Protein backbone atom coordinates (compact mmCIF):
# COMPACT_ATOMS: atom_id res chain seq x y z
CA MET A 1 7.02 16.95 8.14
CA ILE A 2 6.66 14.40 5.36
CA PHE A 3 7.04 16.67 2.36
CA GLU A 4 9.65 18.92 3.94
CA LEU A 5 12.10 16.04 4.29
CA GLU A 6 11.55 14.08 1.10
CA ALA A 7 9.48 16.18 -1.23
CA ARG A 8 11.32 14.93 -4.28
CA HIS A 9 10.06 11.36 -4.16
CA THR A 10 6.87 11.27 -6.17
CA GLY A 11 5.50 8.37 -4.16
CA LEU A 12 5.09 10.67 -1.17
CA PHE A 13 2.28 12.46 -2.90
CA ALA A 14 0.07 9.56 -1.96
CA ALA A 15 -0.72 11.50 1.20
CA ALA A 16 -2.63 13.84 -1.09
CA ALA A 17 -4.64 10.86 -2.25
CA CYS A 18 -6.15 10.49 1.21
CA PRO A 19 -9.59 11.90 1.90
CA PRO A 20 -8.99 15.61 2.56
CA PRO A 21 -9.43 15.67 6.34
CA LEU A 22 -7.04 12.79 6.90
CA ALA A 23 -4.57 14.13 4.35
CA SER A 24 -4.55 17.46 6.16
CA ALA A 25 -3.97 15.73 9.45
CA LEU A 26 -1.11 13.60 8.13
CA VAL A 27 0.70 16.22 6.11
CA ALA A 28 0.22 19.23 8.40
CA PRO A 29 -0.06 17.88 11.94
CA ARG A 30 0.16 21.19 13.78
CA LEU A 31 -2.45 23.45 12.22
CA ASP A 32 -2.83 27.16 12.74
CA ARG A 33 -6.18 28.52 13.90
CA HIS A 34 -7.40 29.22 10.35
CA SER A 35 -6.60 25.68 9.29
CA GLN A 36 -8.15 24.41 12.50
CA LEU A 37 -11.44 26.11 11.67
CA PHE A 38 -11.34 24.71 8.14
CA PHE A 39 -10.56 21.24 9.37
CA SER A 40 -13.44 21.40 11.83
CA ALA A 41 -15.92 22.47 9.16
CA PHE A 42 -14.71 19.94 6.65
CA CYS A 43 -14.68 17.07 9.11
CA LYS A 44 -18.28 17.77 10.02
CA SER A 45 -19.37 17.81 6.38
CA TYR A 46 -17.26 14.78 5.43
CA TYR A 47 -17.80 12.38 8.29
CA LEU A 48 -21.51 12.98 8.77
CA HIS A 49 -22.16 10.74 5.77
CA ASN A 50 -19.33 8.22 6.05
CA PRO A 51 -20.84 4.71 6.03
CA PHE A 52 -17.52 3.02 6.77
CA LEU A 53 -16.81 4.26 10.27
CA ALA A 54 -17.93 2.11 13.15
CA PHE A 55 -17.02 1.99 16.81
CA PRO A 56 -16.34 -1.05 19.03
CA GLN A 57 -18.55 -1.56 22.05
CA THR A 58 -17.74 -3.45 25.22
CA GLY A 59 -20.08 -6.35 24.44
CA LYS A 60 -19.77 -9.09 21.88
CA HIS A 61 -21.56 -7.14 19.20
CA GLN A 62 -20.40 -3.94 17.56
CA GLU A 63 -22.69 -1.05 16.80
CA THR A 64 -22.06 1.78 14.41
CA MET A 65 -21.14 5.02 16.11
CA PRO A 66 -23.32 7.96 15.09
CA SER A 67 -21.39 9.91 12.48
CA ASN A 68 -21.87 13.24 14.22
CA VAL A 69 -20.44 11.79 17.43
CA LEU A 70 -17.48 10.38 15.53
CA ALA A 71 -16.83 13.72 13.87
CA GLU A 72 -16.87 15.49 17.23
CA ARG A 73 -14.50 12.93 18.75
CA LEU A 74 -12.14 13.30 15.81
CA LEU A 75 -12.15 17.06 16.24
CA ASP A 76 -11.56 16.69 19.96
CA ALA A 77 -8.61 14.43 19.25
CA LEU A 78 -7.18 16.96 16.81
CA GLU A 79 -7.56 19.76 19.36
CA HIS A 80 -5.67 17.75 21.94
CA ALA A 81 -2.93 17.04 19.41
CA ASN A 82 -2.58 20.80 18.89
CA GLY A 83 -2.57 21.60 22.59
CA PHE A 84 -6.11 22.96 23.04
CA PRO A 85 -7.49 22.40 26.58
CA ASP A 86 -10.73 20.62 27.29
CA LYS A 87 -13.71 22.02 29.16
CA ASN A 88 -11.87 21.75 32.47
CA GLY A 89 -8.84 23.58 31.12
CA GLU A 90 -6.68 20.46 30.93
CA VAL A 91 -5.12 18.72 27.97
CA ASP A 92 -5.94 15.02 28.23
CA ALA A 93 -4.22 13.40 25.26
CA PHE A 94 -5.11 9.88 26.37
CA ARG A 95 -8.83 10.21 26.84
CA TYR A 96 -9.55 7.76 24.01
CA VAL A 97 -6.91 5.15 24.82
CA ASP A 98 -9.44 2.79 26.36
CA MET A 99 -11.37 2.67 23.10
CA LYS A 100 -9.01 0.20 21.43
CA PRO A 101 -10.61 -3.10 20.39
CA ARG A 102 -9.54 -6.23 22.22
CA LEU A 103 -8.31 -9.36 20.51
CA LEU A 104 -10.68 -12.28 20.54
CA HIS A 105 -10.26 -15.70 18.97
CA LEU A 106 -8.59 -15.75 15.58
CA ASN A 107 -10.62 -17.32 12.81
CA THR A 108 -8.24 -18.35 10.06
CA HIS A 109 -11.02 -19.83 7.92
CA ARG A 110 -12.95 -16.59 7.35
CA SER A 111 -14.33 -15.96 3.89
CA CYS A 112 -13.25 -13.01 1.76
CA GLU A 113 -16.26 -10.75 1.64
CA GLU A 114 -14.85 -7.52 3.08
CA LYS A 115 -14.20 -4.44 1.00
CA THR A 116 -10.75 -4.20 -0.52
CA PHE A 117 -8.53 -1.16 -0.87
CA VAL A 118 -9.76 -0.35 -4.37
CA ASP A 119 -13.38 -0.49 -3.21
CA VAL A 120 -12.59 2.12 -0.59
CA VAL A 121 -10.73 4.25 -3.14
CA GLY A 122 -13.69 4.18 -5.51
CA GLU A 123 -16.24 5.15 -2.88
CA ILE A 124 -14.00 7.89 -1.51
CA SER A 125 -13.53 9.27 -5.04
CA ALA A 126 -17.28 9.31 -5.63
CA ARG A 127 -17.83 11.02 -2.30
CA ILE A 128 -15.20 13.65 -3.07
CA ARG A 129 -16.74 14.33 -6.48
CA SER A 130 -20.07 14.91 -4.74
CA THR A 131 -18.54 17.68 -2.59
CA ASP A 132 -17.33 20.01 -5.31
CA HIS A 133 -17.36 23.04 -3.05
CA LEU A 134 -14.55 21.49 -1.03
CA ASP A 135 -12.37 19.98 -3.74
CA VAL A 136 -9.93 22.90 -3.74
CA ILE A 137 -8.20 21.33 -0.75
CA LEU A 138 -7.04 18.39 -2.87
CA SER A 139 -5.21 20.27 -5.54
CA PRO A 140 -4.94 23.87 -6.68
CA SER A 141 -5.29 22.60 -10.23
CA ILE A 142 -8.13 20.13 -9.95
CA ARG A 143 -9.87 19.45 -13.23
CA SER A 144 -7.52 21.86 -14.97
CA SER A 145 -4.81 21.31 -17.52
CA THR A 146 -2.07 18.98 -16.36
CA ASN A 147 0.45 21.70 -17.23
CA THR A 148 -1.04 24.82 -15.73
CA PRO A 149 -2.23 24.71 -12.10
CA ARG A 150 -5.27 26.79 -11.35
CA SER A 151 -4.82 29.54 -8.81
CA ALA A 152 -7.26 29.12 -5.94
CA THR A 153 -9.56 32.12 -5.66
CA PHE A 154 -11.34 33.04 -2.48
CA HIS A 155 -14.98 32.20 -2.21
CA PRO A 156 -17.12 31.96 0.93
CA SER A 157 -17.45 28.23 0.30
CA HIS A 158 -13.77 27.78 -0.62
CA PHE A 159 -10.78 27.43 1.66
CA GLU A 160 -7.18 28.03 0.70
CA PRO A 161 -5.23 24.77 0.30
CA HIS A 162 -2.44 24.19 2.75
CA PRO A 163 0.87 25.42 1.24
CA MET A 164 2.45 22.02 1.71
CA LEU A 165 -0.25 20.34 -0.38
CA THR A 166 0.14 23.02 -3.05
CA ASP A 167 3.90 22.44 -3.22
CA ALA A 168 3.35 18.68 -3.32
CA TRP A 169 0.98 18.87 -6.27
CA ASP A 170 3.29 21.27 -8.10
CA ALA A 171 6.18 18.85 -7.70
CA LEU A 172 4.01 15.93 -8.74
CA ARG A 173 2.99 17.67 -11.95
CA LYS A 174 6.62 18.52 -12.72
CA SER A 175 7.35 14.79 -12.58
CA LEU A 176 4.81 13.95 -15.31
CA VAL A 177 6.10 12.09 -18.35
CA TYR A 178 4.52 12.75 -21.75
CA PHE A 179 4.24 10.48 -24.76
CA ARG A 180 3.11 12.21 -27.95
CA GLY A 181 1.63 15.01 -25.90
CA MET A 182 -0.28 12.80 -23.47
CA PRO A 183 0.70 12.30 -19.81
CA VAL A 184 1.44 8.61 -19.25
CA GLY A 185 2.92 8.53 -15.74
CA THR A 186 5.32 10.12 -13.27
CA ILE A 187 9.04 9.53 -12.92
CA ALA A 188 10.30 7.72 -9.83
CA ALA A 189 12.20 10.69 -8.38
CA LEU A 190 12.60 14.38 -9.11
CA ASP A 191 16.07 15.21 -7.84
CA PRO A 192 18.40 17.16 -10.14
CA THR A 193 21.27 16.93 -7.63
CA GLU A 194 21.61 13.15 -7.91
CA ASP A 195 22.64 10.80 -10.71
CA SER A 196 19.34 9.73 -12.24
CA LEU A 197 20.28 6.11 -13.09
CA ASN A 198 16.81 4.69 -13.77
CA TYR A 199 14.93 7.05 -11.44
CA ASN A 200 13.98 9.15 -14.45
CA GLN A 201 11.75 6.31 -15.62
CA VAL A 202 8.11 5.55 -14.87
CA PHE A 203 7.94 2.55 -12.54
CA VAL A 204 4.69 0.62 -12.40
CA ARG A 205 4.79 0.17 -8.62
CA ASP A 206 5.93 3.75 -7.98
CA PHE A 207 3.21 5.28 -10.13
CA PHE A 208 0.47 3.49 -8.19
CA PRO A 209 0.18 6.01 -5.29
CA SER A 210 0.43 8.91 -7.75
CA ALA A 211 -2.35 7.29 -9.80
CA LEU A 212 -4.59 7.16 -6.74
CA ALA A 213 -3.95 10.85 -6.15
CA PHE A 214 -4.98 11.66 -9.72
CA LEU A 215 -8.08 9.46 -9.49
CA MET A 216 -9.23 11.13 -6.29
CA ASN A 217 -8.44 14.50 -7.81
CA GLY A 218 -10.79 13.89 -10.74
CA GLU A 219 -8.05 13.33 -13.34
CA PRO A 220 -8.52 9.73 -14.53
CA GLU A 221 -7.17 10.31 -18.05
CA ILE A 222 -3.57 10.10 -16.83
CA VAL A 223 -4.29 6.75 -15.24
CA LYS A 224 -6.11 5.52 -18.33
CA ASN A 225 -3.18 6.48 -20.57
CA PHE A 226 -0.80 4.65 -18.24
CA LEU A 227 -2.87 1.48 -18.27
CA ILE A 228 -3.14 1.47 -22.07
CA LYS A 229 0.56 2.10 -22.71
CA THR A 230 1.83 -0.48 -20.22
CA LEU A 231 -0.55 -3.06 -21.70
CA ARG A 232 0.97 -2.45 -25.12
CA LEU A 233 4.44 -2.87 -23.66
CA GLN A 234 3.39 -6.26 -22.29
CA ALA A 235 2.99 -7.49 -25.87
CA LEU A 236 6.66 -6.83 -26.69
CA THR A 237 9.13 -9.68 -26.97
CA LYS A 238 10.97 -9.92 -23.66
CA GLN A 239 14.41 -11.49 -23.93
CA ILE A 240 17.43 -11.57 -21.63
CA ASP A 241 20.50 -12.98 -23.36
CA ASN A 242 19.17 -16.13 -25.05
CA PHE A 243 16.15 -16.61 -22.81
CA THR A 244 12.65 -15.32 -23.49
CA LEU A 245 10.39 -14.29 -20.62
CA GLY A 246 6.74 -15.27 -20.33
CA ALA A 247 4.21 -13.38 -22.41
CA GLY A 248 2.36 -12.07 -19.35
CA VAL A 249 5.31 -10.30 -17.71
CA MET A 250 4.69 -6.59 -17.18
CA PRO A 251 7.59 -4.12 -17.36
CA ALA A 252 9.21 -2.88 -14.20
CA SER A 253 9.53 0.57 -15.75
CA PHE A 254 9.63 2.47 -19.03
CA LYS A 255 11.08 5.69 -20.35
CA VAL A 256 10.16 7.98 -23.22
CA LEU A 257 12.87 9.10 -25.64
CA HIS A 258 12.13 12.22 -27.66
CA ASP A 259 13.81 12.74 -31.03
CA ALA A 260 13.81 16.49 -31.59
CA ASN A 261 14.96 16.19 -35.20
CA ARG A 262 12.19 13.84 -36.25
CA ASN A 263 9.76 15.12 -33.62
CA THR A 264 8.92 11.56 -32.54
CA ASP A 265 8.57 9.83 -29.18
CA THR A 266 9.72 6.27 -28.49
CA MET A 267 8.76 4.26 -25.42
CA ILE A 268 11.39 1.82 -24.11
CA ALA A 269 10.45 -0.75 -21.47
CA ASP A 270 12.64 -2.57 -18.94
CA PHE A 271 11.50 -6.09 -18.08
CA GLY A 272 14.56 -6.77 -15.95
CA GLU A 273 17.15 -7.01 -18.71
CA SER A 274 18.59 -3.61 -17.70
CA ALA A 275 17.69 -3.64 -14.01
CA ILE A 276 20.31 -3.95 -11.31
CA GLY A 277 20.55 -7.68 -10.65
CA ARG A 278 18.62 -8.61 -13.81
CA VAL A 279 15.49 -9.66 -11.91
CA ALA A 280 12.08 -9.60 -13.58
CA PRO A 281 9.41 -7.72 -11.59
CA VAL A 282 6.85 -10.15 -10.19
CA ASP A 283 4.77 -7.39 -8.60
CA SER A 284 4.28 -5.17 -11.69
CA GLY A 285 1.47 -7.30 -13.09
CA PHE A 286 -0.29 -7.30 -9.72
CA TRP A 287 -0.07 -3.52 -9.34
CA TRP A 288 -1.41 -3.14 -12.89
CA ILE A 289 -4.49 -5.30 -12.19
CA ILE A 290 -5.12 -3.53 -8.87
CA LEU A 291 -4.85 -0.12 -10.53
CA LEU A 292 -7.20 -1.19 -13.32
CA ARG A 293 -9.77 -2.14 -10.68
CA ALA A 294 -9.22 1.16 -8.86
CA TYR A 295 -9.74 3.08 -12.12
CA THR A 296 -12.93 1.15 -12.87
CA LYS A 297 -14.28 1.59 -9.37
CA SER A 298 -13.40 5.29 -9.20
CA THR A 299 -14.72 6.34 -12.61
CA GLY A 300 -17.50 3.80 -13.07
CA ASP A 301 -16.08 3.19 -16.56
CA HIS A 302 -16.08 -0.56 -17.20
CA SER A 303 -15.52 -0.23 -20.93
CA LEU A 304 -11.73 -0.12 -20.58
CA ALA A 305 -11.45 -3.33 -18.57
CA ASP A 306 -13.99 -5.03 -20.85
CA LEU A 307 -11.87 -4.49 -23.96
CA PRO A 308 -10.56 -7.76 -25.44
CA ASP A 309 -6.95 -6.59 -25.16
CA PHE A 310 -7.35 -5.86 -21.44
CA GLN A 311 -9.09 -9.16 -20.82
CA ARG A 312 -6.27 -10.94 -22.62
CA GLY A 313 -3.65 -8.98 -20.67
CA MET A 314 -5.15 -10.05 -17.35
CA ARG A 315 -5.35 -13.67 -18.47
CA LEU A 316 -1.68 -13.62 -19.49
CA ILE A 317 -0.65 -12.31 -16.08
CA LEU A 318 -2.79 -14.88 -14.29
CA SER A 319 -1.51 -17.73 -16.46
CA LEU A 320 1.98 -17.07 -15.08
CA CYS A 321 0.75 -17.22 -11.50
CA LEU A 322 -1.85 -19.99 -11.67
CA SER A 323 0.07 -22.45 -13.82
CA GLU A 324 0.57 -25.92 -12.42
CA GLY A 325 4.07 -27.04 -11.52
CA PHE A 326 6.06 -28.55 -8.69
CA ASP A 327 4.68 -26.20 -6.03
CA THR A 328 3.27 -27.74 -2.87
CA PHE A 329 2.02 -24.39 -1.54
CA PRO A 330 -0.47 -21.86 -2.95
CA THR A 331 2.08 -19.09 -2.49
CA LEU A 332 4.38 -17.89 -5.29
CA LEU A 333 8.04 -18.86 -5.36
CA CYS A 334 10.14 -15.81 -6.22
CA ALA A 335 13.73 -14.68 -6.62
CA ASP A 336 15.39 -12.05 -4.46
CA GLY A 337 14.75 -8.45 -5.52
CA CYS A 338 11.50 -9.17 -7.40
CA CYS A 339 9.33 -6.46 -5.81
CA MET A 340 9.70 -3.09 -4.07
CA VAL A 341 12.69 -4.55 -2.24
CA ASP A 342 14.47 -4.79 -5.59
CA ARG A 343 17.96 -5.50 -4.30
CA ARG A 344 19.45 -8.52 -2.58
CA MET A 345 17.86 -8.59 0.87
CA GLY A 346 17.26 -12.27 1.55
CA ILE A 347 13.59 -12.27 0.57
CA TYR A 348 13.92 -15.15 -1.92
CA GLY A 349 11.36 -17.89 -1.49
CA TYR A 350 7.85 -16.78 -0.62
CA PRO A 351 8.07 -13.07 0.35
CA VAL A 352 5.02 -11.73 2.17
CA GLU A 353 4.78 -8.64 -0.07
CA ILE A 354 4.33 -10.74 -3.19
CA GLN A 355 1.80 -13.06 -1.53
CA THR A 356 -0.43 -10.25 -0.28
CA LEU A 357 -0.28 -8.42 -3.61
CA PHE A 358 -1.06 -11.70 -5.34
CA PHE A 359 -4.11 -12.13 -3.12
CA LEU A 360 -5.38 -8.60 -3.79
CA ALA A 361 -4.74 -8.91 -7.54
CA LEU A 362 -6.69 -12.16 -7.64
CA ARG A 363 -9.65 -10.51 -5.92
CA CYS A 364 -9.55 -7.62 -8.38
CA ALA A 365 -9.22 -9.91 -11.39
CA ARG A 366 -12.14 -11.97 -10.08
CA VAL A 367 -14.34 -8.89 -10.51
CA LEU A 368 -12.86 -7.62 -13.77
CA LEU A 369 -12.72 -10.85 -15.78
CA LYS A 370 -15.59 -11.73 -18.10
CA PRO A 371 -16.64 -15.38 -18.50
CA GLU A 372 -16.31 -15.21 -22.28
CA GLY A 373 -13.11 -16.13 -24.10
CA GLY A 374 -11.69 -18.47 -21.50
CA GLY A 375 -12.40 -16.15 -18.58
CA LYS A 376 -14.71 -18.63 -16.88
CA GLU A 377 -11.88 -21.13 -16.43
CA PHE A 378 -9.67 -18.46 -14.87
CA ILE A 379 -12.46 -17.37 -12.53
CA GLU A 380 -12.80 -20.93 -11.26
CA ARG A 381 -9.06 -21.21 -10.75
CA ILE A 382 -9.01 -17.88 -8.93
CA ASP A 383 -11.70 -19.04 -6.52
CA LYS A 384 -9.74 -22.17 -5.66
CA ARG A 385 -6.46 -20.30 -5.21
CA LEU A 386 -8.02 -17.57 -3.06
CA HIS A 387 -9.37 -20.15 -0.66
CA ALA A 388 -6.07 -22.01 -0.41
CA LEU A 389 -3.93 -18.87 -0.25
CA SER A 390 -5.96 -17.19 2.49
CA PHE A 391 -5.80 -20.32 4.66
CA HIS A 392 -2.05 -20.75 4.09
CA MET A 393 -1.19 -17.14 4.93
CA ARG A 394 -3.38 -16.91 8.02
CA GLU A 395 -2.23 -20.27 9.30
CA TYR A 396 1.51 -20.29 8.61
CA PHE A 397 2.63 -16.68 8.09
CA TRP A 398 0.86 -15.23 11.14
CA LEU A 399 2.92 -14.65 14.27
CA ASP A 400 1.73 -13.46 17.66
CA PHE A 401 2.84 -14.21 21.20
CA PRO A 402 1.00 -17.56 21.54
CA GLN A 403 2.24 -18.70 18.13
CA LEU A 404 5.79 -17.68 19.01
CA ASN A 405 5.55 -19.89 22.09
CA ASN A 406 4.30 -22.74 19.95
CA ILE A 407 7.18 -22.40 17.49
CA TYR A 408 9.67 -22.24 20.36
CA ARG A 409 8.41 -25.64 21.52
CA TYR A 410 8.30 -27.25 18.09
CA LYS A 411 9.49 -30.80 17.71
CA THR A 412 11.61 -31.48 14.66
CA GLU A 413 11.97 -34.31 12.15
CA GLU A 414 8.23 -35.07 12.16
CA TYR A 415 7.33 -37.37 9.29
CA SER A 416 3.55 -37.49 9.04
CA HIS A 417 0.66 -35.63 7.47
CA THR A 418 -0.39 -34.79 11.05
CA ALA A 419 2.94 -33.09 11.85
CA VAL A 420 2.64 -29.84 13.78
CA ASN A 421 6.00 -28.48 12.61
CA LYS A 422 5.12 -28.86 8.93
CA PHE A 423 8.09 -26.87 7.64
CA ASN A 424 10.60 -28.52 10.01
CA VAL A 425 11.67 -25.20 11.49
CA ILE A 426 14.42 -25.55 14.09
CA PRO A 427 13.43 -23.57 17.23
CA ASP A 428 17.07 -22.53 17.77
CA SER A 429 16.85 -20.59 14.49
CA ILE A 430 14.46 -18.04 16.07
CA PRO A 431 16.49 -14.82 16.39
CA ASP A 432 16.81 -13.28 19.85
CA TRP A 433 15.33 -9.94 18.81
CA VAL A 434 11.91 -11.52 18.15
CA PHE A 435 11.32 -12.19 21.85
CA ASP A 436 11.93 -8.53 22.69
CA PHE A 437 9.98 -7.23 19.71
CA MET A 438 6.82 -9.32 20.09
CA PRO A 439 4.39 -7.68 22.56
CA MET A 440 1.88 -9.61 24.63
CA LYS A 441 -0.90 -8.22 22.44
CA GLY A 442 -0.26 -7.71 18.79
CA GLY A 443 0.99 -9.69 15.84
CA TYR A 444 2.03 -9.56 12.19
CA PHE A 445 2.64 -11.60 9.05
CA ILE A 446 6.28 -12.63 8.99
CA GLY A 447 8.45 -12.03 5.95
CA ASN A 448 8.83 -15.55 4.58
CA VAL A 449 7.93 -19.18 5.24
CA SER A 450 9.66 -21.99 3.38
CA PRO A 451 11.13 -25.40 4.23
CA ALA A 452 13.24 -25.17 7.42
CA ARG A 453 13.21 -21.37 7.21
CA MET A 454 11.13 -18.60 8.71
CA ASP A 455 12.06 -14.99 8.09
CA PHE A 456 10.73 -13.28 11.21
CA ARG A 457 11.36 -9.75 9.93
CA TRP A 458 8.50 -7.26 9.77
CA PHE A 459 7.79 -5.92 6.27
CA CYS A 460 5.52 -2.89 6.10
CA VAL A 461 4.06 -3.29 2.59
CA GLY A 462 3.13 -6.94 3.08
CA ASN A 463 1.29 -6.31 6.34
CA CYS A 464 -0.48 -3.18 5.16
CA VAL A 465 -1.66 -4.84 1.93
CA ALA A 466 -2.84 -7.83 4.02
CA ILE A 467 -5.16 -5.41 5.82
CA LEU A 468 -6.29 -3.56 2.70
CA SER A 469 -7.05 -6.75 0.79
CA SER A 470 -8.92 -8.36 3.73
CA LEU A 471 -6.41 -11.19 3.71
CA ALA A 472 -6.00 -10.52 7.42
CA THR A 473 -8.96 -11.38 9.62
CA PRO A 474 -10.52 -8.54 11.66
CA GLU A 475 -8.71 -9.85 14.73
CA GLN A 476 -5.42 -9.94 12.86
CA GLU A 477 -6.00 -6.40 11.58
CA ALA A 478 -6.50 -5.22 15.16
CA ALA A 479 -3.38 -7.11 16.23
CA ILE A 480 -1.26 -5.43 13.52
CA MET A 481 -2.47 -2.01 14.67
CA ASP A 482 -1.75 -3.01 18.27
CA LEU A 483 1.79 -3.85 17.17
CA PHE A 484 2.12 -0.39 15.63
CA GLU A 485 1.10 1.20 18.92
CA GLU A 486 3.27 -1.04 21.10
CA ARG A 487 6.33 -0.66 18.87
CA TRP A 488 5.75 2.83 17.52
CA GLU A 489 9.34 3.96 18.07
CA ASP A 490 10.68 0.93 16.19
CA LEU A 491 8.28 0.90 13.24
CA VAL A 492 7.52 4.62 12.84
CA GLY A 493 9.97 6.70 14.85
CA GLU A 494 10.73 10.23 13.69
CA MET A 495 10.00 9.55 10.00
CA PRO A 496 7.34 7.01 8.98
CA LEU A 497 7.46 4.16 8.12
CA LYS A 498 10.19 1.55 8.39
CA VAL A 499 10.02 -0.62 5.27
CA ALA A 500 11.44 -3.54 7.26
CA TYR A 501 12.41 -4.28 10.84
CA PRO A 502 14.97 -4.93 12.14
CA ALA A 503 17.86 -3.88 9.94
CA LEU A 504 20.54 -6.37 8.93
CA GLU A 505 23.88 -5.52 10.52
CA ASN A 506 27.52 -6.61 10.63
CA HIS A 507 28.16 -10.19 9.52
CA GLU A 508 24.51 -10.86 8.70
CA TRP A 509 24.45 -7.80 6.46
CA ARG A 510 27.57 -8.97 4.63
CA ILE A 511 26.20 -12.46 4.07
CA VAL A 512 22.59 -11.60 3.16
CA THR A 513 23.08 -8.43 1.08
CA GLY A 514 26.51 -9.25 -0.34
CA CYS A 515 27.98 -6.12 1.32
CA ASP A 516 25.53 -3.87 -0.53
CA PRO A 517 26.64 -0.26 0.24
CA LYS A 518 23.19 1.10 -0.58
CA ASN A 519 21.45 -1.18 1.89
CA THR A 520 23.51 -0.44 4.97
CA ARG A 521 21.65 -0.69 8.26
CA TRP A 522 18.59 1.56 8.58
CA SER A 523 18.94 2.71 4.99
CA TYR A 524 16.89 2.16 1.84
CA HIS A 525 15.39 -1.35 1.92
CA ASN A 526 17.32 -2.36 5.02
CA GLY A 527 15.09 -0.74 7.62
CA GLY A 528 14.96 2.63 5.87
CA SER A 529 12.04 5.05 6.29
CA TRP A 530 9.54 5.22 3.43
CA PRO A 531 6.88 7.90 4.10
CA VAL A 532 4.95 6.72 1.03
CA SER A 533 3.91 3.71 3.11
CA VAL A 534 1.61 5.98 5.11
CA ASP A 535 -0.87 5.89 2.22
CA LEU A 536 -1.30 2.14 2.78
CA LEU A 537 -2.56 2.80 6.30
CA ASN A 538 -5.00 5.62 5.59
CA PRO A 539 -7.78 3.57 3.93
CA PHE A 540 -7.69 1.25 6.93
CA PHE A 541 -8.79 4.09 9.18
CA LEU A 542 -11.71 4.85 6.88
CA SER A 543 -12.89 1.35 6.06
CA LYS A 544 -12.51 -0.79 9.17
CA SER A 545 -14.36 -0.96 12.47
CA THR A 546 -11.63 0.61 14.58
CA PRO A 547 -11.40 3.55 16.99
CA PHE A 548 -10.66 5.93 14.14
CA ALA A 549 -10.31 9.02 16.34
CA HIS A 550 -7.69 7.41 18.54
CA LEU A 551 -5.58 6.09 15.66
CA CYS A 552 -5.82 9.31 13.68
CA TRP A 553 -4.81 11.28 16.74
CA GLY A 554 -1.87 8.91 17.22
CA LEU A 555 -0.55 9.62 13.72
CA VAL A 556 -1.16 13.36 14.03
CA SER A 557 0.60 13.73 17.36
CA GLN A 558 3.52 11.46 16.49
CA LEU A 559 4.21 13.14 13.14
CA ALA A 560 4.11 16.60 14.69
């Protein structure tokens, strides 16, 4: 179980941010009969009015599956995952396997008109708020004080929350950090048995899944406080030794110091000057913009994003990313350890996680920015960069079996604007494991592309965000999910999900990580399991035209 193994990590509470039926399925795969009856009733009420879910047909065109049929198929899949026989008395767990969509021709020039992750979050939140008689499943303390959880009382229209969800929300609320009496975030980890280091601070990237949980639980004030306080921290002078960082840099984390004698609170930010490795966080500004969009979409409150300070904060972040320089690519050049993989792991250059977050942040900023006060110029620059970035990522970062064959046959030392091997990648540099890992059907965005170098490793966050942001085409989305199914044991295994694959070992580990004892093979960032990554997959099931019942059943049965 997810919460049984790592209940202390606050990021894992993102499973509670899922729509209730899917959260129940992910967190408590094997349900008792009482929970089974609840799940059946709730699925029927929830999925009957879900406009997202569609079902692939055998022809060229796709037609939307009737919601009642989809609900019944989802319930059937859940029953099979729990061992209930069908009408003939047999358990056929693979009855929906043939429903998987087939890959067609990839269109790398598709426009960006699909719904993003934050759009899905907002619509799910609105839908949950419209079903108040079922909101007890989300949290035993919904719409109550952030200190005192509400005890769930029995009512014919109420169902008891699953104990695991109750424990998860209790732990999440214990991790809240207060500044002058207001909750402003959650600490990175709640583990009294370990040396806290900087895990007792509020990290921008780590708070994001917790923020989604609070938004979907009807508690937007915590998220609003977080956005306001981090924006004020952005205005601080950021200096490391004798060098001053750019004005738009967002902090990686912050902590609140309480002076009991003076009864005052002080907020201290870390922009990388105290971090291990002294690397500034490139992704913090992106997560902040994405969360601001999620808050606006979820609450319908545009007044916060329209404030001059917030407009200026977004422009400062974008000015760092859209400034002209010596770059020949639309991707962002970054140092090692600048994102969630915040230790030396060989991701320097153009890491896929940063590029996909950059793409999603640009799409969110495109909606939030106002034309006044210089915003129009940024909007025009965003449009140009989105077009160039989407083409570059789909064309050069995408790897499937045909593309792998093409790279294997690359010619080198091509000097021409018509060169096929534009990055002069030497075919002998392709690692042997790629040929075993790459299935005949399936694909993914590789970890890095730079001159004479391709990092063929799989990175979970980058590929999941590529789906959620619609950076990936529909065919590429299907291919990534095909890869999950074909390589389930490698990417998911007993505890979801591997943050990277494969792990660096032996001599390669010594050279790339600098003998980092924390990133030994299959640990932490080096192929370790991060259950929080599951929350990046859940909106995909709700928002894309995929065989939702089959994929949901796959997660339920494998996590059991």
